[in-house]
Amino acid sequence: MAFAAVDEHSIVGTARAVPIDLGPLFNNIGATVETDLGRGGLNVWKNSLPAADLPAAGSLFRYTDVPFRFPEVGSGLPDNVRCEGQRVDLPPGRYDWIYLLACSERRSEDVVHLHYASGEADDEWLRVSDFWAAAPSHFGEVEAVPCSRIHFPRHVQRGIAPRIWQQRLPVPRQQPLAYLRLPDNIAIHVFAMTAVSMGWC
């Protein structure tokens, strides 16, 4: 599958989309190459996605008009955030949506804490479907990155098509958002995040 490159701070209609750098928080390897299968860690069986099926390492690509910075994959280095309550600082600004590229070991539902510059906070549910080759769990997410096969620690299994989902969180308050805190739920893996501000705000 081809993924189109985009500008980092792109404008979608009248909206501003800002990809967030998650690299310092990466703590898990979700994609591997066939010559180094044993590093994967998307679940307890050490499955992983095929790096060859994913967007180019470090590339910016657009899905449903939202640009994401995709992590470097296949290098043997961490490429996703396994959620353990990490704090994600955001560029100062007012946002309406937080978009994520994510997947889960089985389906997962947990809370993201949105913290505003005012000191106020909101809790929003993050609901993510299994990365395994199965239908979405009616969470409203869309398939963003499909794969043709799955990696096990010692072999490649064709005929099983895992995927990464695109999900989004609303930002309810019309106030500058300072940071968010991810769930403390190691079943959820986040590969990329983009904050979107609509043009009328």
N, C-alpha and C. Protein backbone atom coordinates (compact mmCIF):
# COMPACT_ATOMS: atom_id res chain seq x y z
N MET A 1 0.83 -1.19 0.00
CA MET A 1 0.00 0.00 0.00
C MET A 1 0.87 1.24 0.00
N ALA A 2 0.56 2.22 -0.85
CA ALA A 2 1.33 3.45 -0.93
C ALA A 2 0.77 4.48 0.04
N PHE A 3 1.67 5.20 0.71
CA PHE A 3 1.27 6.24 1.63
C PHE A 3 1.84 7.55 1.14
N ALA A 4 1.00 8.58 1.05
CA ALA A 4 1.41 9.86 0.50
C ALA A 4 2.11 10.70 1.56
N ALA A 5 3.23 11.31 1.19
CA ALA A 5 3.94 12.20 2.10
C ALA A 5 3.24 13.55 2.15
N VAL A 6 3.34 14.22 3.29
CA VAL A 6 2.68 15.52 3.47
C VAL A 6 3.61 16.45 4.24
N ASP A 7 3.27 17.73 4.26
CA ASP A 7 4.00 18.70 5.07
C ASP A 7 3.67 18.48 6.54
N GLU A 8 4.63 18.79 7.40
CA GLU A 8 4.46 18.49 8.83
C GLU A 8 3.32 19.28 9.46
N HIS A 9 3.25 20.57 9.20
CA HIS A 9 2.16 21.39 9.74
C HIS A 9 1.22 21.70 8.58
N SER A 10 0.43 20.75 8.22
CA SER A 10 -0.41 20.89 7.05
C SER A 10 -1.76 21.47 7.43
N ILE A 11 -2.39 22.07 6.46
CA ILE A 11 -3.72 22.64 6.63
C ILE A 11 -4.70 21.77 5.88
N VAL A 12 -5.70 21.27 6.59
CA VAL A 12 -6.75 20.44 5.98
C VAL A 12 -8.01 21.29 5.96
N GLY A 13 -8.33 21.86 4.79
CA GLY A 13 -9.43 22.81 4.74
C GLY A 13 -9.04 24.03 5.57
N THR A 14 -9.82 24.34 6.59
CA THR A 14 -9.51 25.45 7.48
C THR A 14 -8.93 24.95 8.81
N ALA A 15 -8.57 23.69 8.87
CA ALA A 15 -8.04 23.12 10.11
C ALA A 15 -6.52 23.07 10.10
N ARG A 16 -5.94 23.15 11.28
CA ARG A 16 -4.49 23.03 11.43
C ARG A 16 -4.20 21.72 12.14
N ALA A 17 -3.32 20.94 11.55
CA ALA A 17 -2.98 19.63 12.10
C ALA A 17 -1.51 19.61 12.47
N VAL A 18 -1.22 19.23 13.72
CA VAL A 18 0.15 19.27 14.23
C VAL A 18 0.56 17.87 14.69
N PRO A 19 1.41 17.17 13.93
CA PRO A 19 1.92 15.87 14.40
C PRO A 19 2.76 16.04 15.67
N ILE A 20 2.54 15.16 16.64
CA ILE A 20 3.21 15.23 17.94
C ILE A 20 4.38 14.24 17.95
N ASP A 21 5.51 14.68 18.44
CA ASP A 21 6.70 13.82 18.52
C ASP A 21 6.57 12.90 19.72
N LEU A 22 6.34 11.62 19.47
CA LEU A 22 6.25 10.63 20.54
C LEU A 22 7.56 9.88 20.75
N GLY A 23 8.55 10.16 19.92
CA GLY A 23 9.79 9.39 19.95
C GLY A 23 10.41 9.22 21.33
N PRO A 24 10.48 10.29 22.15
CA PRO A 24 11.10 10.12 23.47
C PRO A 24 10.34 9.18 24.39
N LEU A 25 9.10 8.87 24.06
CA LEU A 25 8.28 7.99 24.90
C LEU A 25 8.24 6.55 24.41
N PHE A 26 8.79 6.29 23.25
CA PHE A 26 8.72 4.93 22.69
C PHE A 26 9.39 3.93 23.65
N ASN A 27 8.69 2.86 23.94
CA ASN A 27 9.19 1.87 24.89
C ASN A 27 8.87 0.43 24.46
N ASN A 28 8.51 0.24 23.18
CA ASN A 28 8.08 -1.08 22.73
C ASN A 28 8.36 -1.21 21.23
N ILE A 29 8.62 -2.43 20.80
CA ILE A 29 8.83 -2.70 19.38
C ILE A 29 7.60 -3.41 18.83
N GLY A 30 6.94 -2.77 17.89
CA GLY A 30 5.73 -3.33 17.31
C GLY A 30 5.90 -3.82 15.89
N ALA A 31 7.02 -3.49 15.24
CA ALA A 31 7.26 -3.89 13.85
C ALA A 31 8.66 -4.47 13.72
N THR A 32 8.77 -5.54 12.96
CA THR A 32 10.06 -6.21 12.79
C THR A 32 10.29 -6.54 11.32
N VAL A 33 11.54 -6.85 11.01
CA VAL A 33 11.90 -7.36 9.69
C VAL A 33 12.05 -8.88 9.79
N GLU A 34 11.98 -9.55 8.66
CA GLU A 34 11.95 -11.02 8.66
C GLU A 34 13.27 -11.63 9.13
N THR A 35 14.35 -10.85 9.10
CA THR A 35 15.63 -11.37 9.57
C THR A 35 15.84 -11.14 11.07
N ASP A 36 14.87 -10.52 11.73
CA ASP A 36 15.01 -10.21 13.16
C ASP A 36 13.64 -10.23 13.82
N LEU A 37 12.99 -11.39 13.79
CA LEU A 37 11.61 -11.50 14.24
C LEU A 37 11.46 -11.47 15.76
N GLY A 38 12.49 -11.81 16.48
CA GLY A 38 12.36 -12.04 17.91
C GLY A 38 12.18 -10.81 18.77
N ARG A 39 12.32 -9.61 18.20
CA ARG A 39 12.23 -8.40 19.01
C ARG A 39 10.80 -7.90 19.22
N GLY A 40 9.83 -8.46 18.51
CA GLY A 40 8.46 -7.94 18.56
C GLY A 40 7.83 -8.08 19.94
N GLY A 41 6.89 -7.14 20.22
CA GLY A 41 6.27 -7.18 21.53
C GLY A 41 4.88 -6.59 21.58
N LEU A 42 4.04 -6.87 20.58
CA LEU A 42 2.69 -6.33 20.61
C LEU A 42 1.76 -7.08 21.56
N ASN A 43 2.16 -8.28 21.95
CA ASN A 43 1.33 -9.05 22.89
C ASN A 43 2.21 -10.06 23.62
N VAL A 44 1.59 -10.89 24.43
CA VAL A 44 2.36 -11.84 25.24
C VAL A 44 3.02 -12.92 24.39
N TRP A 45 2.54 -13.09 23.15
CA TRP A 45 3.15 -14.08 22.25
C TRP A 45 4.26 -13.47 21.41
N LYS A 46 4.56 -12.20 21.62
CA LYS A 46 5.64 -11.49 20.93
C LYS A 46 5.38 -11.35 19.43
N ASN A 47 4.11 -11.23 19.08
CA ASN A 47 3.79 -10.93 17.68
C ASN A 47 4.22 -9.52 17.32
N SER A 48 4.39 -9.27 16.02
CA SER A 48 4.73 -7.94 15.54
C SER A 48 4.21 -7.75 14.13
N LEU A 49 4.19 -6.51 13.68
CA LEU A 49 3.77 -6.17 12.33
C LEU A 49 4.97 -6.23 11.39
N PRO A 50 4.76 -6.53 10.12
CA PRO A 50 5.86 -6.53 9.16
C PRO A 50 6.26 -5.11 8.80
N ALA A 51 7.48 -4.73 9.09
CA ALA A 51 7.93 -3.37 8.79
C ALA A 51 7.80 -3.04 7.31
N ALA A 52 7.95 -4.05 6.45
CA ALA A 52 7.88 -3.82 5.01
C ALA A 52 6.50 -3.36 4.55
N ASP A 53 5.47 -3.62 5.34
CA ASP A 53 4.11 -3.22 4.98
C ASP A 53 3.72 -1.84 5.51
N LEU A 54 4.57 -1.23 6.30
CA LEU A 54 4.24 0.01 6.97
C LEU A 54 4.80 1.21 6.22
N PRO A 55 4.30 2.41 6.50
CA PRO A 55 4.87 3.61 5.86
C PRO A 55 6.36 3.72 6.11
N ALA A 56 7.04 4.43 5.23
CA ALA A 56 8.48 4.57 5.33
C ALA A 56 8.89 5.15 6.68
N ALA A 57 10.02 4.69 7.17
CA ALA A 57 10.51 5.10 8.48
C ALA A 57 10.63 6.62 8.57
N GLY A 58 10.00 7.19 9.57
CA GLY A 58 10.09 8.62 9.80
C GLY A 58 9.29 9.47 8.84
N SER A 59 8.49 8.86 7.99
CA SER A 59 7.77 9.62 6.97
C SER A 59 6.55 10.30 7.56
N LEU A 60 6.09 11.32 6.84
CA LEU A 60 4.81 11.95 7.14
C LEU A 60 3.84 11.47 6.08
N PHE A 61 2.72 10.94 6.52
CA PHE A 61 1.72 10.51 5.55
C PHE A 61 0.35 10.93 6.04
N ARG A 62 -0.58 10.99 5.11
CA ARG A 62 -1.91 11.47 5.41
C ARG A 62 -2.89 10.31 5.35
N TYR A 63 -3.77 10.24 6.35
CA TYR A 63 -4.87 9.29 6.31
C TYR A 63 -6.14 10.02 6.71
N THR A 64 -7.20 9.90 5.92
CA THR A 64 -8.46 10.64 6.09
C THR A 64 -8.18 12.12 6.35
N ASP A 65 -7.26 12.68 5.55
CA ASP A 65 -6.91 14.11 5.61
C ASP A 65 -6.16 14.51 6.87
N VAL A 66 -5.76 13.57 7.69
CA VAL A 66 -4.99 13.89 8.90
C VAL A 66 -3.55 13.43 8.69
N PRO A 67 -2.57 14.33 8.81
CA PRO A 67 -1.17 13.93 8.65
C PRO A 67 -0.60 13.34 9.94
N PHE A 68 0.16 12.28 9.81
CA PHE A 68 0.83 11.65 10.95
C PHE A 68 2.32 11.53 10.63
N ARG A 69 3.14 11.65 11.66
CA ARG A 69 4.56 11.31 11.51
C ARG A 69 4.73 9.88 11.95
N PHE A 70 5.05 9.00 10.99
CA PHE A 70 5.17 7.58 11.32
C PHE A 70 6.55 7.29 11.86
N PRO A 71 6.65 6.46 12.87
CA PRO A 71 7.96 6.19 13.49
C PRO A 71 8.87 5.38 12.58
N GLU A 72 10.13 5.41 12.91
CA GLU A 72 11.09 4.53 12.24
C GLU A 72 10.82 3.11 12.70
N VAL A 73 10.59 2.22 11.76
CA VAL A 73 10.28 0.83 12.10
C VAL A 73 11.30 -0.11 11.46
N GLY A 74 11.44 -1.29 12.06
CA GLY A 74 12.31 -2.32 11.49
C GLY A 74 13.77 -2.18 11.83
N SER A 75 14.11 -1.19 12.65
CA SER A 75 15.52 -0.96 13.00
C SER A 75 15.95 -1.73 14.24
N GLY A 76 14.99 -2.35 14.93
CA GLY A 76 15.29 -3.00 16.20
C GLY A 76 15.17 -2.07 17.38
N LEU A 77 14.79 -0.81 17.13
CA LEU A 77 14.59 0.16 18.20
C LEU A 77 13.10 0.32 18.49
N PRO A 78 12.73 0.80 19.66
CA PRO A 78 11.31 1.00 19.96
C PRO A 78 10.64 1.91 18.94
N ASP A 79 9.40 1.58 18.60
CA ASP A 79 8.67 2.34 17.57
C ASP A 79 7.25 2.70 17.98
N ASN A 80 6.87 2.41 19.22
CA ASN A 80 5.53 2.76 19.68
C ASN A 80 5.54 2.94 21.19
N VAL A 81 4.47 3.59 21.67
CA VAL A 81 4.30 3.79 23.10
C VAL A 81 3.36 2.71 23.64
N ARG A 82 3.87 1.82 24.42
CA ARG A 82 3.02 0.90 25.18
C ARG A 82 2.54 1.69 26.40
N CYS A 83 1.25 1.87 26.49
CA CYS A 83 0.70 2.85 27.44
C CYS A 83 0.92 2.43 28.89
N GLU A 84 1.61 3.29 29.61
CA GLU A 84 1.88 3.08 31.04
C GLU A 84 1.71 4.39 31.79
N GLY A 85 0.73 5.19 31.36
CA GLY A 85 0.47 6.45 32.04
C GLY A 85 1.41 7.57 31.66
N GLN A 86 2.03 7.51 30.46
CA GLN A 86 2.99 8.54 30.07
C GLN A 86 2.32 9.90 29.85
N ARG A 87 3.04 10.93 30.15
CA ARG A 87 2.61 12.30 29.88
C ARG A 87 3.09 12.69 28.49
N VAL A 88 2.18 13.24 27.69
CA VAL A 88 2.51 13.71 26.33
C VAL A 88 2.30 15.22 26.31
N ASP A 89 3.38 15.98 26.25
CA ASP A 89 3.29 17.43 26.17
C ASP A 89 2.93 17.85 24.75
N LEU A 90 2.11 18.88 24.62
CA LEU A 90 1.64 19.36 23.33
C LEU A 90 2.14 20.76 23.07
N PRO A 91 2.36 21.12 21.80
CA PRO A 91 2.66 22.52 21.49
C PRO A 91 1.51 23.40 21.99
N PRO A 92 1.80 24.56 22.56
CA PRO A 92 0.72 25.40 23.09
C PRO A 92 -0.33 25.70 22.03
N GLY A 93 -1.59 25.59 22.40
CA GLY A 93 -2.65 25.89 21.45
C GLY A 93 -3.96 25.29 21.87
N ARG A 94 -5.02 25.72 21.19
CA ARG A 94 -6.34 25.16 21.40
C ARG A 94 -6.59 24.12 20.33
N TYR A 95 -7.06 22.96 20.75
CA TYR A 95 -7.29 21.84 19.84
C TYR A 95 -8.71 21.33 20.01
N ASP A 96 -9.21 20.72 18.96
CA ASP A 96 -10.55 20.14 18.98
C ASP A 96 -10.52 18.61 19.01
N TRP A 97 -9.48 18.03 18.42
CA TRP A 97 -9.38 16.58 18.35
C TRP A 97 -7.93 16.16 18.54
N ILE A 98 -7.74 15.02 19.17
CA ILE A 98 -6.46 14.34 19.21
C ILE A 98 -6.63 13.03 18.44
N TYR A 99 -5.93 12.90 17.32
CA TYR A 99 -5.99 11.70 16.49
C TYR A 99 -4.82 10.79 16.84
N LEU A 100 -5.06 9.49 16.83
CA LEU A 100 -4.01 8.52 17.15
C LEU A 100 -3.99 7.40 16.12
N LEU A 101 -2.81 6.92 15.84
CA LEU A 101 -2.63 5.64 15.17
C LEU A 101 -2.27 4.65 16.26
N ALA A 102 -3.14 3.67 16.48
CA ALA A 102 -2.97 2.80 17.64
C ALA A 102 -3.54 1.42 17.36
N CYS A 103 -3.18 0.48 18.19
CA CYS A 103 -3.79 -0.85 18.16
C CYS A 103 -3.71 -1.42 19.57
N SER A 104 -4.36 -2.53 19.75
CA SER A 104 -4.42 -3.10 21.10
C SER A 104 -4.28 -4.62 21.04
N GLU A 105 -3.80 -5.17 22.14
CA GLU A 105 -3.86 -6.61 22.33
C GLU A 105 -5.26 -6.93 22.83
N ARG A 106 -6.06 -7.55 22.00
CA ARG A 106 -7.50 -7.63 22.19
C ARG A 106 -8.04 -6.21 22.17
N ARG A 107 -9.33 -6.05 22.30
CA ARG A 107 -9.86 -4.68 22.30
C ARG A 107 -9.71 -4.09 23.70
N SER A 108 -9.50 -2.78 23.75
CA SER A 108 -9.26 -2.13 25.04
C SER A 108 -10.04 -0.82 25.12
N GLU A 109 -10.48 -0.51 26.33
CA GLU A 109 -11.13 0.75 26.63
C GLU A 109 -10.52 1.29 27.91
N ASP A 110 -9.99 2.51 27.84
CA ASP A 110 -9.39 3.11 29.02
C ASP A 110 -9.42 4.63 28.87
N VAL A 111 -9.02 5.32 29.93
CA VAL A 111 -9.19 6.77 30.00
C VAL A 111 -7.89 7.50 29.70
N VAL A 112 -8.01 8.54 28.86
CA VAL A 112 -6.94 9.51 28.65
C VAL A 112 -7.31 10.78 29.42
N HIS A 113 -6.35 11.34 30.12
CA HIS A 113 -6.59 12.55 30.92
C HIS A 113 -6.07 13.76 30.14
N LEU A 114 -6.96 14.70 29.83
CA LEU A 114 -6.60 15.92 29.11
C LEU A 114 -6.39 17.04 30.11
N HIS A 115 -5.22 17.66 30.11
CA HIS A 115 -4.87 18.71 31.06
C HIS A 115 -4.70 20.04 30.32
N TYR A 116 -5.41 21.04 30.79
CA TYR A 116 -5.41 22.35 30.15
C TYR A 116 -4.43 23.30 30.86
N ALA A 117 -4.06 24.36 30.15
CA ALA A 117 -3.14 25.35 30.71
C ALA A 117 -3.72 26.01 31.95
N SER A 118 -5.04 26.04 32.05
CA SER A 118 -5.73 26.63 33.20
C SER A 118 -5.59 25.80 34.46
N GLY A 119 -5.16 24.55 34.33
CA GLY A 119 -5.09 23.63 35.45
C GLY A 119 -6.28 22.69 35.53
N GLU A 120 -7.30 22.94 34.70
CA GLU A 120 -8.45 22.05 34.67
C GLU A 120 -8.13 20.81 33.85
N ALA A 121 -8.97 19.79 33.98
CA ALA A 121 -8.71 18.53 33.29
C ALA A 121 -10.03 17.85 32.92
N ASP A 122 -9.98 17.06 31.88
CA ASP A 122 -11.11 16.23 31.46
C ASP A 122 -10.62 14.81 31.22
N ASP A 123 -11.49 13.85 31.43
CA ASP A 123 -11.21 12.45 31.11
C ASP A 123 -12.00 12.07 29.86
N GLU A 124 -11.32 11.45 28.91
CA GLU A 124 -11.97 10.97 27.69
C GLU A 124 -11.60 9.51 27.47
N TRP A 125 -12.57 8.73 27.04
CA TRP A 125 -12.33 7.31 26.80
C TRP A 125 -11.58 7.10 25.49
N LEU A 126 -10.52 6.31 25.56
CA LEU A 126 -9.81 5.83 24.37
C LEU A 126 -10.22 4.38 24.17
N ARG A 127 -10.80 4.10 23.03
CA ARG A 127 -11.27 2.75 22.71
C ARG A 127 -10.57 2.29 21.44
N VAL A 128 -9.86 1.17 21.54
CA VAL A 128 -9.03 0.69 20.43
C VAL A 128 -9.27 -0.80 20.21
N SER A 129 -9.39 -1.18 18.95
CA SER A 129 -9.61 -2.59 18.61
C SER A 129 -8.29 -3.36 18.55
N ASP A 130 -8.43 -4.66 18.51
CA ASP A 130 -7.30 -5.59 18.43
C ASP A 130 -6.54 -5.37 17.13
N PHE A 131 -5.21 -5.52 17.19
CA PHE A 131 -4.41 -5.44 15.96
C PHE A 131 -4.57 -6.71 15.12
N TRP A 132 -5.03 -7.78 15.76
CA TRP A 132 -5.18 -9.06 15.06
C TRP A 132 -6.18 -8.92 13.91
N ALA A 133 -6.15 -9.84 12.99
CA ALA A 133 -7.02 -9.79 11.81
C ALA A 133 -8.45 -10.09 12.22
N ALA A 134 -9.15 -9.06 12.63
CA ALA A 134 -10.54 -9.21 13.06
C ALA A 134 -11.27 -7.91 12.75
N ALA A 135 -12.58 -7.97 12.79
CA ALA A 135 -13.38 -6.77 12.53
C ALA A 135 -13.20 -5.78 13.67
N PRO A 136 -13.37 -4.46 13.40
CA PRO A 136 -13.30 -3.48 14.48
C PRO A 136 -14.39 -3.72 15.50
N SER A 137 -14.20 -3.16 16.69
CA SER A 137 -15.09 -3.43 17.80
C SER A 137 -16.19 -2.38 17.95
N HIS A 138 -16.57 -1.73 16.86
CA HIS A 138 -17.64 -0.72 16.88
C HIS A 138 -17.27 0.44 17.78
N PHE A 139 -15.99 0.80 17.78
CA PHE A 139 -15.53 1.95 18.54
C PHE A 139 -15.48 3.21 17.69
N GLY A 140 -15.83 3.11 16.40
CA GLY A 140 -15.78 4.26 15.52
C GLY A 140 -14.43 4.49 14.87
N GLU A 141 -13.46 3.62 15.15
CA GLU A 141 -12.15 3.79 14.52
C GLU A 141 -12.20 3.31 13.08
N VAL A 142 -11.16 3.66 12.32
CA VAL A 142 -11.06 3.24 10.93
C VAL A 142 -9.70 2.58 10.72
N GLU A 143 -9.66 1.65 9.78
CA GLU A 143 -8.40 0.96 9.48
C GLU A 143 -7.49 1.91 8.73
N ALA A 144 -6.34 2.21 9.32
CA ALA A 144 -5.42 3.16 8.72
C ALA A 144 -4.25 2.49 8.01
N VAL A 145 -3.70 1.44 8.62
CA VAL A 145 -2.50 0.78 8.07
C VAL A 145 -2.73 -0.72 8.07
N PRO A 146 -3.19 -1.28 6.95
CA PRO A 146 -3.38 -2.73 6.87
C PRO A 146 -2.07 -3.44 6.53
N CYS A 147 -1.93 -4.66 6.99
CA CYS A 147 -0.75 -5.46 6.69
C CYS A 147 -1.17 -6.77 6.02
N SER A 148 -0.23 -7.39 5.33
CA SER A 148 -0.54 -8.60 4.57
C SER A 148 -0.21 -9.88 5.32
N ARG A 149 0.50 -9.78 6.44
CA ARG A 149 0.94 -10.96 7.18
C ARG A 149 1.31 -10.53 8.59
N ILE A 150 1.51 -11.50 9.45
CA ILE A 150 1.90 -11.19 10.82
C ILE A 150 3.19 -11.92 11.16
N HIS A 151 3.98 -11.32 12.01
CA HIS A 151 5.25 -11.91 12.44
C HIS A 151 5.11 -12.56 13.81
N PHE A 152 5.59 -13.78 13.91
CA PHE A 152 5.79 -14.47 15.18
C PHE A 152 7.29 -14.46 15.49
N PRO A 153 7.69 -14.80 16.71
CA PRO A 153 9.12 -14.73 17.03
C PRO A 153 10.00 -15.62 16.15
N ARG A 154 9.42 -16.69 15.60
CA ARG A 154 10.25 -17.62 14.83
C ARG A 154 9.74 -17.88 13.41
N HIS A 155 8.64 -17.26 13.03
CA HIS A 155 8.17 -17.48 11.66
C HIS A 155 7.22 -16.36 11.25
N VAL A 156 6.98 -16.29 9.93
CA VAL A 156 6.04 -15.33 9.35
C VAL A 156 4.78 -16.09 8.98
N GLN A 157 3.63 -15.60 9.42
CA GLN A 157 2.35 -16.26 9.14
C GLN A 157 1.57 -15.43 8.13
N ARG A 158 1.46 -15.96 6.92
CA ARG A 158 0.65 -15.30 5.90
C ARG A 158 -0.81 -15.73 6.08
N GLY A 159 -1.71 -14.94 5.54
CA GLY A 159 -3.12 -15.23 5.69
C GLY A 159 -3.75 -14.61 6.92
N ILE A 160 -2.94 -14.00 7.77
CA ILE A 160 -3.43 -13.23 8.91
C ILE A 160 -3.03 -11.79 8.66
N ALA A 161 -4.01 -10.90 8.60
CA ALA A 161 -3.76 -9.52 8.18
C ALA A 161 -3.99 -8.56 9.34
N PRO A 162 -2.98 -8.29 10.15
CA PRO A 162 -3.14 -7.34 11.26
C PRO A 162 -3.23 -5.92 10.74
N ARG A 163 -3.56 -4.99 11.63
CA ARG A 163 -3.68 -3.61 11.20
C ARG A 163 -3.48 -2.64 12.36
N ILE A 164 -3.20 -1.38 11.99
CA ILE A 164 -3.18 -0.27 12.92
C ILE A 164 -4.42 0.57 12.64
N TRP A 165 -5.08 1.02 13.72
CA TRP A 165 -6.31 1.78 13.59
C TRP A 165 -6.07 3.27 13.78
N GLN A 166 -6.93 4.06 13.15
CA GLN A 166 -6.98 5.48 13.46
C GLN A 166 -8.18 5.74 14.38
N GLN A 167 -7.89 6.32 15.52
CA GLN A 167 -8.94 6.68 16.48
C GLN A 167 -8.76 8.15 16.85
N ARG A 168 -9.78 8.75 17.44
CA ARG A 168 -9.66 10.15 17.84
C ARG A 168 -10.36 10.40 19.17
N LEU A 169 -9.86 11.43 19.86
CA LEU A 169 -10.40 11.86 21.13
C LEU A 169 -10.89 13.29 21.00
N PRO A 170 -12.07 13.61 21.49
CA PRO A 170 -12.51 15.01 21.48
C PRO A 170 -11.84 15.80 22.59
N VAL A 171 -11.63 17.09 22.33
CA VAL A 171 -11.14 18.01 23.36
C VAL A 171 -12.31 18.94 23.68
N PRO A 172 -13.01 18.72 24.79
CA PRO A 172 -14.28 19.40 25.01
C PRO A 172 -14.18 20.88 25.37
N ARG A 173 -13.12 21.29 26.06
CA ARG A 173 -13.05 22.67 26.53
C ARG A 173 -12.42 23.58 25.47
N GLN A 174 -12.92 24.78 25.34
CA GLN A 174 -12.35 25.77 24.43
C GLN A 174 -11.27 26.55 25.16
N GLN A 175 -10.24 25.82 25.57
CA GLN A 175 -9.11 26.37 26.30
C GLN A 175 -7.83 25.76 25.74
N PRO A 176 -6.70 26.44 25.92
CA PRO A 176 -5.43 25.84 25.49
C PRO A 176 -5.18 24.52 26.22
N LEU A 177 -4.81 23.51 25.46
CA LEU A 177 -4.50 22.19 26.02
C LEU A 177 -3.00 22.09 26.21
N ALA A 178 -2.57 21.75 27.42
CA ALA A 178 -1.14 21.71 27.74
C ALA A 178 -0.52 20.33 27.51
N TYR A 179 -1.19 19.29 28.00
CA TYR A 179 -0.65 17.95 27.85
C TYR A 179 -1.77 16.95 28.06
N LEU A 180 -1.49 15.71 27.73
CA LEU A 180 -2.41 14.62 28.04
C LEU A 180 -1.63 13.49 28.69
N ARG A 181 -2.34 12.69 29.45
CA ARG A 181 -1.72 11.53 30.10
C ARG A 181 -2.40 10.28 29.56
N LEU A 182 -1.59 9.40 28.98
CA LEU A 182 -2.10 8.17 28.39
C LEU A 182 -2.58 7.21 29.47
N PRO A 183 -3.40 6.23 29.11
CA PRO A 183 -3.85 5.25 30.11
C PRO A 183 -2.70 4.42 30.66
N ASP A 184 -2.89 3.89 31.83
CA ASP A 184 -1.96 2.90 32.38
C ASP A 184 -2.50 1.53 31.99
N ASN A 185 -2.27 1.17 30.72
CA ASN A 185 -2.86 -0.04 30.15
C ASN A 185 -1.91 -0.55 29.06
N ILE A 186 -1.09 -1.54 29.40
CA ILE A 186 -0.03 -1.97 28.48
C ILE A 186 -0.57 -2.74 27.27
N ALA A 187 -1.87 -2.98 27.21
CA ALA A 187 -2.43 -3.61 26.01
C ALA A 187 -2.54 -2.63 24.85
N ILE A 188 -2.53 -1.33 25.14
CA ILE A 188 -2.72 -0.30 24.11
C ILE A 188 -1.36 0.20 23.63
N HIS A 189 -1.20 0.24 22.31
CA HIS A 189 0.04 0.70 21.67
C HIS A 189 -0.26 1.87 20.75
N VAL A 190 0.46 2.98 20.94
CA VAL A 190 0.27 4.18 20.13
C VAL A 190 1.52 4.42 19.28
N PHE A 191 1.33 4.45 17.97
CA PHE A 191 2.42 4.65 17.03
C PHE A 191 2.60 6.12 16.64
N ALA A 192 1.51 6.87 16.59
CA ALA A 192 1.60 8.27 16.15
C ALA A 192 0.42 9.03 16.70
N MET A 193 0.57 10.36 16.80
CA MET A 193 -0.49 11.21 17.35
C MET A 193 -0.43 12.55 16.63
N THR A 194 -1.61 13.11 16.36
CA THR A 194 -1.70 14.44 15.72
C THR A 194 -2.82 15.22 16.40
N ALA A 195 -2.52 16.46 16.77
CA ALA A 195 -3.51 17.36 17.36
C ALA A 195 -4.09 18.23 16.25
N VAL A 196 -5.42 18.35 16.22
CA VAL A 196 -6.09 19.09 15.16
C VAL A 196 -6.92 20.21 15.78
N SER A 197 -6.77 21.40 15.21
CA SER A 197 -7.54 22.56 15.62
C SER A 197 -8.36 23.03 14.43
N MET A 198 -9.65 23.13 14.59
CA MET A 198 -10.52 23.58 13.52
C MET A 198 -10.36 25.08 13.31
N GLY A 199 -10.59 25.52 12.10
CA GLY A 199 -10.27 26.88 11.71
C GLY A 199 -11.09 27.95 12.40
N TRP A 200 -12.29 27.59 12.89
CA TRP A 200 -13.13 28.61 13.50
C TRP A 200 -12.84 28.83 14.97
N CYS A 201 -11.92 28.06 15.55
CA CYS A 201 -11.64 28.22 16.98
C CYS A 201 -10.53 29.24 17.20
